[in-house]
Amino acid sequence: MQLGAENYVLTPSFGAVCGVEERIGTNLFQLGQRLESAQISATELIDFAHACIAEAGHEVTRERLGELIVEAGTATVLAPLTEYCRIYIFGARRDSEAVDAETKKPATPDMDPDAV
């Protein structure tokens, strides 16, 4: 996720997801659903982004992150955070492992799960 001059790589893992949920005080599955339906407040969006970034080992204050999000536009963080939730909910499958349920043919993922 590119914000300002920094590129924040968010990688969901069991520990990271637990840390994010603890930091934001809500279930990541429910937050992901609200993200996809655009039913998330600015405070929740910034808190979620900050928690993901902090759990990935990056240092940025919540206030500075909020400024970066406003400068870049909310859409800049919506897709990566939605993908973070998608990976948490459905799992991260590599191209060779992903199979379309209807065709039984390899599926093409929307995004590299290692670089959310």
PDB file of N, CA and C in Angstrom:
ATOM      1  N   MET A   1       0.864  -1.162   0.000  1.00  0.00           N
ATOM      2  CA  MET A   1       0.000   0.000   0.000  1.00  0.00           C
ATOM      3  C   MET A   1       0.910   1.225   0.000  1.00  0.00           C
ATOM      4  N   GLN A   2       0.849   2.004  -1.056  1.00  0.00           N
ATOM      5  CA  GLN A   2       1.693   3.184  -1.203  1.00  0.00           C
ATOM      6  C   GLN A   2       0.987   4.400  -0.610  1.00  0.00           C
ATOM      7  N   LEU A   3       1.609   5.021   0.391  1.00  0.00           N
ATOM      8  CA  LEU A   3       1.106   6.252   0.993  1.00  0.00           C
ATOM      9  C   LEU A   3       2.271   7.205   1.145  1.00  0.00           C
ATOM     10  N   GLY A   4       2.177   8.340   0.495  1.00  0.00           N
ATOM     11  CA  GLY A   4       3.289   9.275   0.515  1.00  0.00           C
ATOM     12  C   GLY A   4       4.501   8.620  -0.120  1.00  0.00           C
ATOM     13  N   ALA A   5       5.651   8.759   0.523  1.00  0.00           N
ATOM     14  CA  ALA A   5       6.885   8.170  -0.003  1.00  0.00           C
ATOM     15  C   ALA A   5       7.086   6.730   0.469  1.00  0.00           C
ATOM     16  N   GLU A   6       6.203   6.241   1.318  1.00  0.00           N
ATOM     17  CA  GLU A   6       6.366   4.910   1.909  1.00  0.00           C
ATOM     18  C   GLU A   6       5.489   3.866   1.233  1.00  0.00           C
ATOM     19  N   ASN A   7       6.037   2.660   1.119  1.00  0.00           N
ATOM     20  CA  ASN A   7       5.281   1.505   0.654  1.00  0.00           C
ATOM     21  C   ASN A   7       5.132   0.566   1.848  1.00  0.00           C
ATOM     22  N   TYR A   8       3.913   0.377   2.298  1.00  0.00           N
ATOM     23  CA  TYR A   8       3.629  -0.470   3.454  1.00  0.00           C
ATOM     24  C   TYR A   8       3.169  -1.833   2.957  1.00  0.00           C
ATOM     25  N   VAL A   9       3.949  -2.864   3.261  1.00  0.00           N
ATOM     26  CA  VAL A   9       3.590  -4.223   2.868  1.00  0.00           C
ATOM     27  C   VAL A   9       2.855  -4.851   4.037  1.00  0.00           C
ATOM     28  N   LEU A  10       1.606  -5.246   3.789  1.00  0.00           N
ATOM     29  CA  LEU A  10       0.768  -5.846   4.820  1.00  0.00           C
ATOM     30  C   LEU A  10       0.610  -7.329   4.511  1.00  0.00           C
ATOM     31  N   THR A  11       1.054  -8.175   5.425  1.00  0.00           N
ATOM     32  CA  THR A  11       0.985  -9.604   5.199  1.00  0.00           C
ATOM     33  C   THR A  11       0.161 -10.249   6.309  1.00  0.00           C
ATOM     34  N   PRO A  12      -1.054 -10.693   5.999  1.00  0.00           N
ATOM     35  CA  PRO A  12      -1.859 -11.343   7.028  1.00  0.00           C
ATOM     36  C   PRO A  12      -1.210 -12.639   7.505  1.00  0.00           C
ATOM     37  N   SER A  13      -1.198 -12.832   8.798  1.00  0.00           N
ATOM     38  CA  SER A  13      -0.762 -14.072   9.416  1.00  0.00           C
ATOM     39  C   SER A  13      -1.634 -14.235  10.653  1.00  0.00           C
ATOM     40  N   PHE A  14      -1.572 -15.385  11.279  1.00  0.00           N
ATOM     41  CA  PHE A  14      -2.386 -15.599  12.472  1.00  0.00           C
ATOM     42  C   PHE A  14      -2.087 -14.533  13.525  1.00  0.00           C
ATOM     43  N   GLY A  15      -0.806 -14.318  13.805  1.00  0.00           N
ATOM     44  CA  GLY A  15      -0.421 -13.327  14.804  1.00  0.00           C
ATOM     45  C   GLY A  15      -0.820 -11.919  14.424  1.00  0.00           C
ATOM     46  N   ALA A  16      -0.634 -11.577  13.154  1.00  0.00           N
ATOM     47  CA  ALA A  16      -0.983 -10.230  12.691  1.00  0.00           C
ATOM     48  C   ALA A  16      -2.487  -9.993  12.787  1.00  0.00           C
ATOM     49  N   VAL A  17      -3.281 -10.983  12.364  1.00  0.00           N
ATOM     50  CA  VAL A  17      -4.742 -10.829  12.412  1.00  0.00           C
ATOM     51  C   VAL A  17      -5.210 -10.683  13.857  1.00  0.00           C
ATOM     52  N   CYS A  18      -4.661 -11.501  14.764  1.00  0.00           N
ATOM     53  CA  CYS A  18      -5.033 -11.391  16.181  1.00  0.00           C
ATOM     54  C   CYS A  18      -4.646 -10.020  16.728  1.00  0.00           C
ATOM     55  N   GLY A  19      -3.466  -9.536  16.350  1.00  0.00           N
ATOM     56  CA  GLY A  19      -3.027  -8.220  16.787  1.00  0.00           C
ATOM     57  C   GLY A  19      -3.911  -7.108  16.250  1.00  0.00           C
ATOM     58  N   VAL A  20      -4.295  -7.214  14.982  1.00  0.00           N
ATOM     59  CA  VAL A  20      -5.180  -6.215  14.375  1.00  0.00           C
ATOM     60  C   VAL A  20      -6.518  -6.208  15.110  1.00  0.00           C
ATOM     61  N   GLU A  21      -7.098  -7.388  15.322  1.00  0.00           N
ATOM     62  CA  GLU A  21      -8.394  -7.453  16.010  1.00  0.00           C
ATOM     63  C   GLU A  21      -8.302  -6.867  17.413  1.00  0.00           C
ATOM     64  N   GLU A  22      -7.200  -7.145  18.106  1.00  0.00           N
ATOM     65  CA  GLU A  22      -7.025  -6.604  19.449  1.00  0.00           C
ATOM     66  C   GLU A  22      -6.910  -5.080  19.413  1.00  0.00           C
ATOM     67  N   ARG A  23      -6.157  -4.570  18.447  1.00  0.00           N
ATOM     68  CA  ARG A  23      -5.957  -3.122  18.332  1.00  0.00           C
ATOM     69  C   ARG A  23      -7.243  -2.385  17.968  1.00  0.00           C
ATOM     70  N   ILE A  24      -8.042  -2.965  17.053  1.00  0.00           N
ATOM     71  CA  ILE A  24      -9.246  -2.256  16.605  1.00  0.00           C
ATOM     72  C   ILE A  24     -10.475  -2.622  17.432  1.00  0.00           C
ATOM     73  N   GLY A  25     -10.375  -3.696  18.210  1.00  0.00           N
ATOM     74  CA  GLY A  25     -11.462  -4.053  19.109  1.00  0.00           C
ATOM     75  C   GLY A  25     -12.696  -4.614  18.422  1.00  0.00           C
ATOM     76  N   THR A  26     -12.520  -5.225  17.252  1.00  0.00           N
ATOM     77  CA  THR A  26     -13.660  -5.816  16.559  1.00  0.00           C
ATOM     78  C   THR A  26     -13.200  -7.007  15.735  1.00  0.00           C
ATOM     79  N   ASN A  27     -14.170  -7.771  15.297  1.00  0.00           N
ATOM     80  CA  ASN A  27     -13.936  -8.959  14.490  1.00  0.00           C
ATOM     81  C   ASN A  27     -13.558  -8.554  13.073  1.00  0.00           C
ATOM     82  N   LEU A  28     -12.459  -9.103  12.565  1.00  0.00           N
ATOM     83  CA  LEU A  28     -11.972  -8.742  11.235  1.00  0.00           C
ATOM     84  C   LEU A  28     -12.929  -9.182  10.130  1.00  0.00           C
ATOM     85  N   PHE A  29     -13.627 -10.281  10.333  1.00  0.00           N
ATOM     86  CA  PHE A  29     -14.604 -10.752   9.346  1.00  0.00           C
ATOM     87  C   PHE A  29     -15.716  -9.720   9.180  1.00  0.00           C
ATOM     88  N   GLN A  30     -16.253  -9.253  10.290  1.00  0.00           N
ATOM     89  CA  GLN A  30     -17.323  -8.253  10.241  1.00  0.00           C
ATOM     90  C   GLN A  30     -16.820  -6.931   9.669  1.00  0.00           C
ATOM     91  N   LEU A  31     -15.616  -6.553  10.043  1.00  0.00           N
ATOM     92  CA  LEU A  31     -15.048  -5.316   9.513  1.00  0.00           C
ATOM     93  C   LEU A  31     -14.850  -5.415   8.006  1.00  0.00           C
ATOM     94  N   GLY A  32     -14.411  -6.572   7.533  1.00  0.00           N
ATOM     95  CA  GLY A  32     -14.246  -6.787   6.097  1.00  0.00           C
ATOM     96  C   GLY A  32     -15.553  -6.655   5.342  1.00  0.00           C
ATOM     97  N   GLN A  33     -16.630  -7.195   5.916  1.00  0.00           N
ATOM     98  CA  GLN A  33     -17.947  -7.069   5.285  1.00  0.00           C
ATOM     99  C   GLN A  33     -18.363  -5.601   5.203  1.00  0.00           C
ATOM    100  N   ARG A  34     -18.122  -4.854   6.276  1.00  0.00           N
ATOM    101  CA  ARG A  34     -18.482  -3.441   6.276  1.00  0.00           C
ATOM    102  C   ARG A  34     -17.610  -2.650   5.308  1.00  0.00           C
ATOM    103  N   LEU A  35     -16.355  -3.047   5.173  1.00  0.00           N
ATOM    104  CA  LEU A  35     -15.456  -2.394   4.213  1.00  0.00           C
ATOM    105  C   LEU A  35     -15.990  -2.556   2.795  1.00  0.00           C
ATOM    106  N   GLU A  36     -16.346  -3.794   2.440  1.00  0.00           N
ATOM    107  CA  GLU A  36     -16.825  -4.071   1.085  1.00  0.00           C
ATOM    108  C   GLU A  36     -18.119  -3.328   0.767  1.00  0.00           C
ATOM    109  N   SER A  37     -18.950  -3.106   1.765  1.00  0.00           N
ATOM    110  CA  SER A  37     -20.212  -2.417   1.521  1.00  0.00           C
ATOM    111  C   SER A  37     -20.118  -0.925   1.821  1.00  0.00           C
ATOM    112  N   ALA A  38     -18.903  -0.432   2.044  1.00  0.00           N
ATOM    113  CA  ALA A  38     -18.643   0.991   2.326  1.00  0.00           C
ATOM    114  C   ALA A  38     -19.415   1.477   3.547  1.00  0.00           C
ATOM    115  N   GLN A  39     -19.552   0.607   4.538  1.00  0.00           N
ATOM    116  CA  GLN A  39     -20.232   0.957   5.782  1.00  0.00           C
ATOM    117  C   GLN A  39     -19.218   1.071   6.917  1.00  0.00           C
ATOM    118  N   ILE A  40     -18.142   1.794   6.651  1.00  0.00           N
ATOM    119  CA  ILE A  40     -17.061   1.952   7.623  1.00  0.00           C
ATOM    120  C   ILE A  40     -16.783   3.435   7.800  1.00  0.00           C
ATOM    121  N   SER A  41     -16.594   3.834   9.045  1.00  0.00           N
ATOM    122  CA  SER A  41     -16.332   5.248   9.313  1.00  0.00           C
ATOM    123  C   SER A  41     -14.861   5.570   9.036  1.00  0.00           C
ATOM    124  N   ALA A  42     -14.570   6.843   8.932  1.00  0.00           N
ATOM    125  CA  ALA A  42     -13.188   7.277   8.711  1.00  0.00           C
ATOM    126  C   ALA A  42     -12.311   6.845   9.883  1.00  0.00           C
ATOM    127  N   THR A  43     -12.830   6.942  11.090  1.00  0.00           N
ATOM    128  CA  THR A  43     -12.076   6.531  12.274  1.00  0.00           C
ATOM    129  C   THR A  43     -11.745   5.051  12.220  1.00  0.00           C
ATOM    130  N   GLU A  44     -12.725   4.223  11.860  1.00  0.00           N
ATOM    131  CA  GLU A  44     -12.492   2.784  11.761  1.00  0.00           C
ATOM    132  C   GLU A  44     -11.486   2.463  10.665  1.00  0.00           C
ATOM    133  N   LEU A  45     -11.601   3.152   9.542  1.00  0.00           N
ATOM    134  CA  LEU A  45     -10.686   2.919   8.427  1.00  0.00           C
ATOM    135  C   LEU A  45      -9.247   3.244   8.831  1.00  0.00           C
ATOM    136  N   ILE A  46      -9.048   4.381   9.469  1.00  0.00           N
ATOM    137  CA  ILE A  46      -7.714   4.769   9.912  1.00  0.00           C
ATOM    138  C   ILE A  46      -7.208   3.822  10.993  1.00  0.00           C
ATOM    139  N   ASP A  47      -8.070   3.459  11.939  1.00  0.00           N
ATOM    140  CA  ASP A  47      -7.666   2.520  12.986  1.00  0.00           C
ATOM    141  C   ASP A  47      -7.265   1.175  12.392  1.00  0.00           C
ATOM    142  N   PHE A  48      -8.028   0.696  11.427  1.00  0.00           N
ATOM    143  CA  PHE A  48      -7.742  -0.586  10.790  1.00  0.00           C
ATOM    144  C   PHE A  48      -6.426  -0.516  10.016  1.00  0.00           C
ATOM    145  N   ALA A  49      -6.258   0.526   9.216  1.00  0.00           N
ATOM    146  CA  ALA A  49      -5.021   0.692   8.446  1.00  0.00           C
ATOM    147  C   ALA A  49      -3.821   0.802   9.385  1.00  0.00           C
ATOM    148  N   HIS A  50      -3.965   1.585  10.455  1.00  0.00           N
ATOM    149  CA  HIS A  50      -2.867   1.756  11.406  1.00  0.00           C
ATOM    150  C   HIS A  50      -2.525   0.435  12.078  1.00  0.00           C
ATOM    151  N   ALA A  51      -3.519  -0.328  12.469  1.00  0.00           N
ATOM    152  CA  ALA A  51      -3.276  -1.624  13.110  1.00  0.00           C
ATOM    153  C   ALA A  51      -2.547  -2.572  12.162  1.00  0.00           C
ATOM    154  N   CYS A  52      -2.971  -2.622  10.903  1.00  0.00           N
ATOM    155  CA  CYS A  52      -2.319  -3.494   9.918  1.00  0.00           C
ATOM    156  C   CYS A  52      -0.869  -3.082   9.701  1.00  0.00           C
ATOM    157  N   ILE A  53      -0.644  -1.783   9.585  1.00  0.00           N
ATOM    158  CA  ILE A  53       0.706  -1.267   9.357  1.00  0.00           C
ATOM    159  C   ILE A  53       1.593  -1.534  10.571  1.00  0.00           C
ATOM    160  N   ALA A  54       1.064  -1.308  11.772  1.00  0.00           N
ATOM    161  CA  ALA A  54       1.842  -1.540  12.994  1.00  0.00           C
ATOM    162  C   ALA A  54       2.167  -3.022  13.155  1.00  0.00           C
ATOM    163  N   GLU A  55       1.204  -3.892  12.882  1.00  0.00           N
ATOM    164  CA  GLU A  55       1.438  -5.331  13.007  1.00  0.00           C
ATOM    165  C   GLU A  55       2.445  -5.832  11.975  1.00  0.00           C
ATOM    166  N   ALA A  56       2.585  -5.105  10.870  1.00  0.00           N
ATOM    167  CA  ALA A  56       3.572  -5.471   9.845  1.00  0.00           C
ATOM    168  C   ALA A  56       4.968  -4.939  10.189  1.00  0.00           C
ATOM    169  N   GLY A  57       5.063  -4.212  11.306  1.00  0.00           N
ATOM    170  CA  GLY A  57       6.364  -3.724  11.753  1.00  0.00           C
ATOM    171  C   GLY A  57       6.730  -2.340  11.284  1.00  0.00           C
ATOM    172  N   HIS A  58       5.816  -1.651  10.627  1.00  0.00           N
ATOM    173  CA  HIS A  58       6.081  -0.279  10.170  1.00  0.00           C
ATOM    174  C   HIS A  58       5.727   0.696  11.292  1.00  0.00           C
ATOM    175  N   GLU A  59       6.431   1.805  11.323  1.00  0.00           N
ATOM    176  CA  GLU A  59       6.156   2.824  12.333  1.00  0.00           C
ATOM    177  C   GLU A  59       5.613   4.083  11.669  1.00  0.00           C
ATOM    178  N   VAL A  60       4.419   4.444  12.059  1.00  0.00           N
ATOM    179  CA  VAL A  60       3.796   5.701  11.634  1.00  0.00           C
ATOM    180  C   VAL A  60       2.728   6.008  12.681  1.00  0.00           C
ATOM    181  N   THR A  61       2.613   7.270  13.060  1.00  0.00           N
ATOM    182  CA  THR A  61       1.594   7.610  14.043  1.00  0.00           C
ATOM    183  C   THR A  61       0.215   7.548  13.377  1.00  0.00           C
ATOM    184  N   ARG A  62      -0.783   7.334  14.181  1.00  0.00           N
ATOM    185  CA  ARG A  62      -2.157   7.293  13.682  1.00  0.00           C
ATOM    186  C   ARG A  62      -2.510   8.621  13.014  1.00  0.00           C
ATOM    187  N   GLU A  63      -2.093   9.721  13.610  1.00  0.00           N
ATOM    188  CA  GLU A  63      -2.383  11.043  13.060  1.00  0.00           C
ATOM    189  C   GLU A  63      -1.728  11.227  11.695  1.00  0.00           C
ATOM    190  N   ARG A  64      -0.458  10.844  11.584  1.00  0.00           N
ATOM    191  CA  ARG A  64       0.243  10.982  10.298  1.00  0.00           C
ATOM    192  C   ARG A  64      -0.382  10.078   9.257  1.00  0.00           C
ATOM    193  N   LEU A  65      -0.765   8.883   9.648  1.00  0.00           N
ATOM    194  CA  LEU A  65      -1.414   7.973   8.719  1.00  0.00           C
ATOM    195  C   LEU A  65      -2.726   8.571   8.219  1.00  0.00           C
ATOM    196  N   GLY A  66      -3.487   9.161   9.114  1.00  0.00           N
ATOM    197  CA  GLY A  66      -4.730   9.821   8.704  1.00  0.00           C
ATOM    198  C   GLY A  66      -4.473  10.911   7.678  1.00  0.00           C
ATOM    199  N   GLU A  67      -3.427  11.700   7.890  1.00  0.00           N
ATOM    200  CA  GLU A  67      -3.062  12.749   6.931  1.00  0.00           C
ATOM    201  C   GLU A  67      -2.686  12.141   5.585  1.00  0.00           C
ATOM    202  N   LEU A  68      -1.889  11.057   5.613  1.00  0.00           N
ATOM    203  CA  LEU A  68      -1.480  10.395   4.367  1.00  0.00           C
ATOM    204  C   LEU A  68      -2.680   9.846   3.608  1.00  0.00           C
ATOM    205  N   ILE A  69      -3.632   9.288   4.331  1.00  0.00           N
ATOM    206  CA  ILE A  69      -4.831   8.738   3.692  1.00  0.00           C
ATOM    207  C   ILE A  69      -5.650   9.852   3.058  1.00  0.00           C
ATOM    208  N   VAL A  70      -5.785  10.966   3.758  1.00  0.00           N
ATOM    209  CA  VAL A  70      -6.529  12.101   3.193  1.00  0.00           C
ATOM    210  C   VAL A  70      -5.815  12.634   1.954  1.00  0.00           C
ATOM    211  N   GLU A  71      -4.496  12.741   2.003  1.00  0.00           N
ATOM    212  CA  GLU A  71      -3.727  13.221   0.850  1.00  0.00           C
ATOM    213  C   GLU A  71      -3.856  12.285  -0.352  1.00  0.00           C
ATOM    214  N   ALA A  72      -3.773  10.981  -0.093  1.00  0.00           N
ATOM    215  CA  ALA A  72      -3.790   9.997  -1.185  1.00  0.00           C
ATOM    216  C   ALA A  72      -5.202   9.662  -1.645  1.00  0.00           C
ATOM    217  N   GLY A  73      -6.170   9.857  -0.779  1.00  0.00           N
ATOM    218  CA  GLY A  73      -7.549   9.479  -1.080  1.00  0.00           C
ATOM    219  C   GLY A  73      -7.883   8.138  -0.439  1.00  0.00           C
ATOM    220  N   THR A  74      -9.072   8.042   0.067  1.00  0.00           N
ATOM    221  CA  THR A  74      -9.517   6.837   0.768  1.00  0.00           C
ATOM    222  C   THR A  74      -9.428   5.596  -0.114  1.00  0.00           C
ATOM    223  N   ALA A  75      -9.678   5.741  -1.400  1.00  0.00           N
ATOM    224  CA  ALA A  75      -9.636   4.589  -2.305  1.00  0.00           C
ATOM    225  C   ALA A  75      -8.274   3.910  -2.301  1.00  0.00           C
ATOM    226  N   THR A  76      -7.225   4.664  -1.986  1.00  0.00           N
ATOM    227  CA  THR A  76      -5.872   4.116  -1.953  1.00  0.00           C
ATOM    228  C   THR A  76      -5.729   3.011  -0.911  1.00  0.00           C
ATOM    229  N   VAL A  77      -6.463   3.114   0.185  1.00  0.00           N
ATOM    230  CA  VAL A  77      -6.357   2.101   1.239  1.00  0.00           C
ATOM    231  C   VAL A  77      -7.500   1.093   1.230  1.00  0.00           C
ATOM    232  N   LEU A  78      -8.618   1.437   0.597  1.00  0.00           N
ATOM    233  CA  LEU A  78      -9.762   0.517   0.602  1.00  0.00           C
ATOM    234  C   LEU A  78      -9.432  -0.824  -0.044  1.00  0.00           C
ATOM    235  N   ALA A  79      -8.821  -0.808  -1.217  1.00  0.00           N
ATOM    236  CA  ALA A  79      -8.525  -2.066  -1.918  1.00  0.00           C
ATOM    237  C   ALA A  79      -7.540  -2.938  -1.141  1.00  0.00           C
ATOM    238  N   PRO A  80      -6.404  -2.400  -0.657  1.00  0.00           N
ATOM    239  CA  PRO A  80      -5.479  -3.253   0.094  1.00  0.00           C
ATOM    240  C   PRO A  80      -6.080  -3.793   1.392  1.00  0.00           C
ATOM    241  N   LEU A  81      -6.878  -2.983   2.092  1.00  0.00           N
ATOM    242  CA  LEU A  81      -7.473  -3.455   3.338  1.00  0.00           C
ATOM    243  C   LEU A  81      -8.564  -4.491   3.076  1.00  0.00           C
ATOM    244  N   THR A  82      -9.305  -4.306   1.996  1.00  0.00           N
ATOM    245  CA  THR A  82     -10.304  -5.310   1.617  1.00  0.00           C
ATOM    246  C   THR A  82      -9.615  -6.613   1.243  1.00  0.00           C
ATOM    247  N   GLU A  83      -8.504  -6.527   0.530  1.00  0.00           N
ATOM    248  CA  GLU A  83      -7.735  -7.716   0.163  1.00  0.00           C
ATOM    249  C   GLU A  83      -7.170  -8.396   1.409  1.00  0.00           C
ATOM    250  N   TYR A  84      -6.729  -7.632   2.375  1.00  0.00           N
ATOM    251  CA  TYR A  84      -6.226  -8.171   3.641  1.00  0.00           C
ATOM    252  C   TYR A  84      -7.320  -9.029   4.286  1.00  0.00           C
ATOM    253  N   CYS A  85      -8.531  -8.494   4.327  1.00  0.00           N
ATOM    254  CA  CYS A  85      -9.660  -9.238   4.907  1.00  0.00           C
ATOM    255  C   CYS A  85      -9.984 -10.471   4.064  1.00  0.00           C
ATOM    256  N   ARG A  86      -9.939 -10.325   2.743  1.00  0.00           N
ATOM    257  CA  ARG A  86     -10.239 -11.456   1.863  1.00  0.00           C
ATOM    258  C   ARG A  86      -9.258 -12.596   2.100  1.00  0.00           C
ATOM    259  N   ILE A  87      -7.989 -12.272   2.229  1.00  0.00           N
ATOM    260  CA  ILE A  87      -6.979 -13.301   2.479  1.00  0.00           C
ATOM    261  C   ILE A  87      -7.238 -13.963   3.826  1.00  0.00           C
ATOM    262  N   TYR A  88      -7.585 -13.170   4.832  1.00  0.00           N
ATOM    263  CA  TYR A  88      -7.890 -13.717   6.153  1.00  0.00           C
ATOM    264  C   TYR A  88      -9.091 -14.662   6.084  1.00  0.00           C
ATOM    265  N   ILE A  89     -10.120 -14.272   5.360  1.00  0.00           N
ATOM    266  CA  ILE A  89     -11.358 -15.059   5.305  1.00  0.00           C
ATOM    267  C   ILE A  89     -11.224 -16.285   4.414  1.00  0.00           C
ATOM    268  N   PHE A  90     -10.676 -16.112   3.220  1.00  0.00           N
ATOM    269  CA  PHE A  90     -10.650 -17.195   2.234  1.00  0.00           C
ATOM    270  C   PHE A  90      -9.304 -17.891   2.105  1.00  0.00           C
ATOM    271  N   GLY A  91      -8.275 -17.334   2.702  1.00  0.00           N
ATOM    272  CA  GLY A  91      -6.957 -17.929   2.615  1.00  0.00           C
ATOM    273  C   GLY A  91      -6.173 -17.387   1.444  1.00  0.00           C
ATOM    274  N   ALA A  92      -4.881 -17.559   1.533  1.00  0.00           N
ATOM    275  CA  ALA A  92      -3.982 -17.104   0.472  1.00  0.00           C
ATOM    276  C   ALA A  92      -3.559 -18.311  -0.333  1.00  0.00           C
ATOM    277  N   ARG A  93      -3.968 -18.354  -1.569  1.00  0.00           N
ATOM    278  CA  ARG A  93      -3.602 -19.462  -2.448  1.00  0.00           C
ATOM    279  C   ARG A  93      -2.702 -18.940  -3.545  1.00  0.00           C
ATOM    280  N   ARG A  94      -1.694 -19.674  -3.837  1.00  0.00           N
ATOM    281  CA  ARG A  94      -0.803 -19.329  -4.942  1.00  0.00           C
ATOM    282  C   ARG A  94      -1.512 -19.692  -6.244  1.00  0.00           C
ATOM    283  N   ASP A  95      -1.075 -19.107  -7.352  1.00  0.00           N
ATOM    284  CA  ASP A  95      -1.675 -19.377  -8.660  1.00  0.00           C
ATOM    285  C   ASP A  95      -1.806 -20.872  -8.920  1.00  0.00           C
ATOM    286  N   SER A  96      -0.778 -21.640  -8.590  1.00  0.00           N
ATOM    287  CA  SER A  96      -0.790 -23.075  -8.880  1.00  0.00           C
ATOM    288  C   SER A  96      -1.754 -23.838  -7.988  1.00  0.00           C
ATOM    289  N   GLU A  97      -2.151 -23.260  -6.856  1.00  0.00           N
ATOM    290  CA  GLU A  97      -3.046 -23.933  -5.928  1.00  0.00           C
ATOM    291  C   GLU A  97      -4.504 -23.507  -6.093  1.00  0.00           C
ATOM    292  N   ALA A  98      -4.720 -22.332  -6.658  1.00  0.00           N
ATOM    293  CA  ALA A  98      -6.076 -21.807  -6.768  1.00  0.00           C
ATOM    294  C   ALA A  98      -6.810 -22.476  -7.918  1.00  0.00           C
ATOM    295  N   VAL A  99      -8.022 -22.928  -7.646  1.00  0.00           N
ATOM    296  CA  VAL A  99      -8.827 -23.601  -8.658  1.00  0.00           C
ATOM    297  C   VAL A  99     -10.228 -23.019  -8.625  1.00  0.00           C
ATOM    298  N   ASP A 100     -10.738 -22.669  -9.784  1.00  0.00           N
ATOM    299  CA  ASP A 100     -12.098 -22.177  -9.895  1.00  0.00           C
ATOM    300  C   ASP A 100     -13.052 -23.322  -9.558  1.00  0.00           C
ATOM    301  N   ALA A 101     -13.976 -23.097  -8.624  1.00  0.00           N
ATOM    302  CA  ALA A 101     -14.858 -24.160  -8.149  1.00  0.00           C
ATOM    303  C   ALA A 101     -15.761 -24.713  -9.244  1.00  0.00           C
ATOM    304  N   GLU A 102     -16.155 -23.908 -10.211  1.00  0.00           N
ATOM    305  CA  GLU A 102     -17.069 -24.375 -11.256  1.00  0.00           C
ATOM    306  C   GLU A 102     -16.349 -25.072 -12.395  1.00  0.00           C
ATOM    307  N   THR A 103     -15.233 -24.542 -12.836  1.00  0.00           N
ATOM    308  CA  THR A 103     -14.550 -25.093 -14.011  1.00  0.00           C
ATOM    309  C   THR A 103     -13.460 -26.096 -13.656  1.00  0.00           C
ATOM    310  N   LYS A 104     -13.040 -26.090 -12.399  1.00  0.00           N
ATOM    311  CA  LYS A 104     -11.936 -26.936 -11.931  1.00  0.00           C
ATOM    312  C   LYS A 104     -10.619 -26.592 -12.619  1.00  0.00           C
ATOM    313  N   LYS A 105     -10.568 -25.398 -13.220  1.00  0.00           N
ATOM    314  CA  LYS A 105      -9.353 -24.925 -13.875  1.00  0.00           C
ATOM    315  C   LYS A 105      -8.656 -23.946 -12.940  1.00  0.00           C
ATOM    316  N   PRO A 106      -7.343 -23.780 -13.096  1.00  0.00           N
ATOM    317  CA  PRO A 106      -6.643 -22.817 -12.245  1.00  0.00           C
ATOM    318  C   PRO A 106      -7.272 -21.433 -12.352  1.00  0.00           C
ATOM    319  N   ALA A 107      -7.459 -20.824 -11.212  1.00  0.00           N
ATOM    320  CA  ALA A 107      -8.026 -19.475 -11.164  1.00  0.00           C
ATOM    321  C   ALA A 107      -6.902 -18.458 -11.092  1.00  0.00           C
ATOM    322  N   THR A 108      -7.169 -17.262 -11.563  1.00  0.00           N
ATOM    323  CA  THR A 108      -6.201 -16.179 -11.502  1.00  0.00           C
ATOM    324  C   THR A 108      -6.591 -15.257 -10.353  1.00  0.00           C
ATOM    325  N   PRO A 109      -5.774 -15.184  -9.317  1.00  0.00           N
ATOM    326  CA  PRO A 109      -6.117 -14.312  -8.198  1.00  0.00           C
ATOM    327  C   PRO A 109      -6.072 -12.857  -8.605  1.00  0.00           C
ATOM    328  N   ASP A 110      -6.851 -12.026  -7.880  1.00  0.00           N
ATOM    329  CA  ASP A 110      -6.903 -10.606  -8.167  1.00  0.00           C
ATOM    330  C   ASP A 110      -5.611  -9.901  -7.781  1.00  0.00           C
ATOM    331  N   MET A 111      -4.904 -10.448  -6.769  1.00  0.00           N
ATOM    332  CA  MET A 111      -3.777  -9.731  -6.230  1.00  0.00           C
ATOM    333  C   MET A 111      -2.789 -10.725  -5.617  1.00  0.00           C
ATOM    334  N   ASP A 112      -1.538 -10.392  -5.589  1.00  0.00           N
ATOM    335  CA  ASP A 112      -0.534 -11.241  -4.963  1.00  0.00           C
ATOM    336  C   ASP A 112      -0.773 -11.253  -3.464  1.00  0.00           C
ATOM    337  N   PRO A 113      -1.063 -12.418  -2.847  1.00  0.00           N
ATOM    338  CA  PRO A 113      -1.377 -12.458  -1.425  1.00  0.00           C
ATOM    339  C   PRO A 113      -0.201 -12.105  -0.532  1.00  0.00           C
ATOM    340  N   ASP A 114       1.016 -12.120  -1.061  1.00  0.00           N
ATOM    341  CA  ASP A 114       2.169 -11.793  -0.258  1.00  0.00           C
ATOM    342  C   ASP A 114       2.464 -10.291  -0.236  1.00  0.00           C
ATOM    343  N   ALA A 115       1.767  -9.530  -1.041  1.00  0.00           N
ATOM    344  CA  ALA A 115       2.045  -8.087  -1.118  1.00  0.00           C
ATOM    345  C   ALA A 115       0.762  -7.295  -1.094  1.00  0.00           C
ATOM    346  N   VAL A 116       0.049  -7.394  -0.027  1.00  0.00           N
ATOM    347  CA  VAL A 116      -1.201  -6.651   0.106  1.00  0.00           C
ATOM    348  C   VAL A 116      -0.885  -5.218   0.381  1.00  0.00           C
TER     349      VAL A 116
END
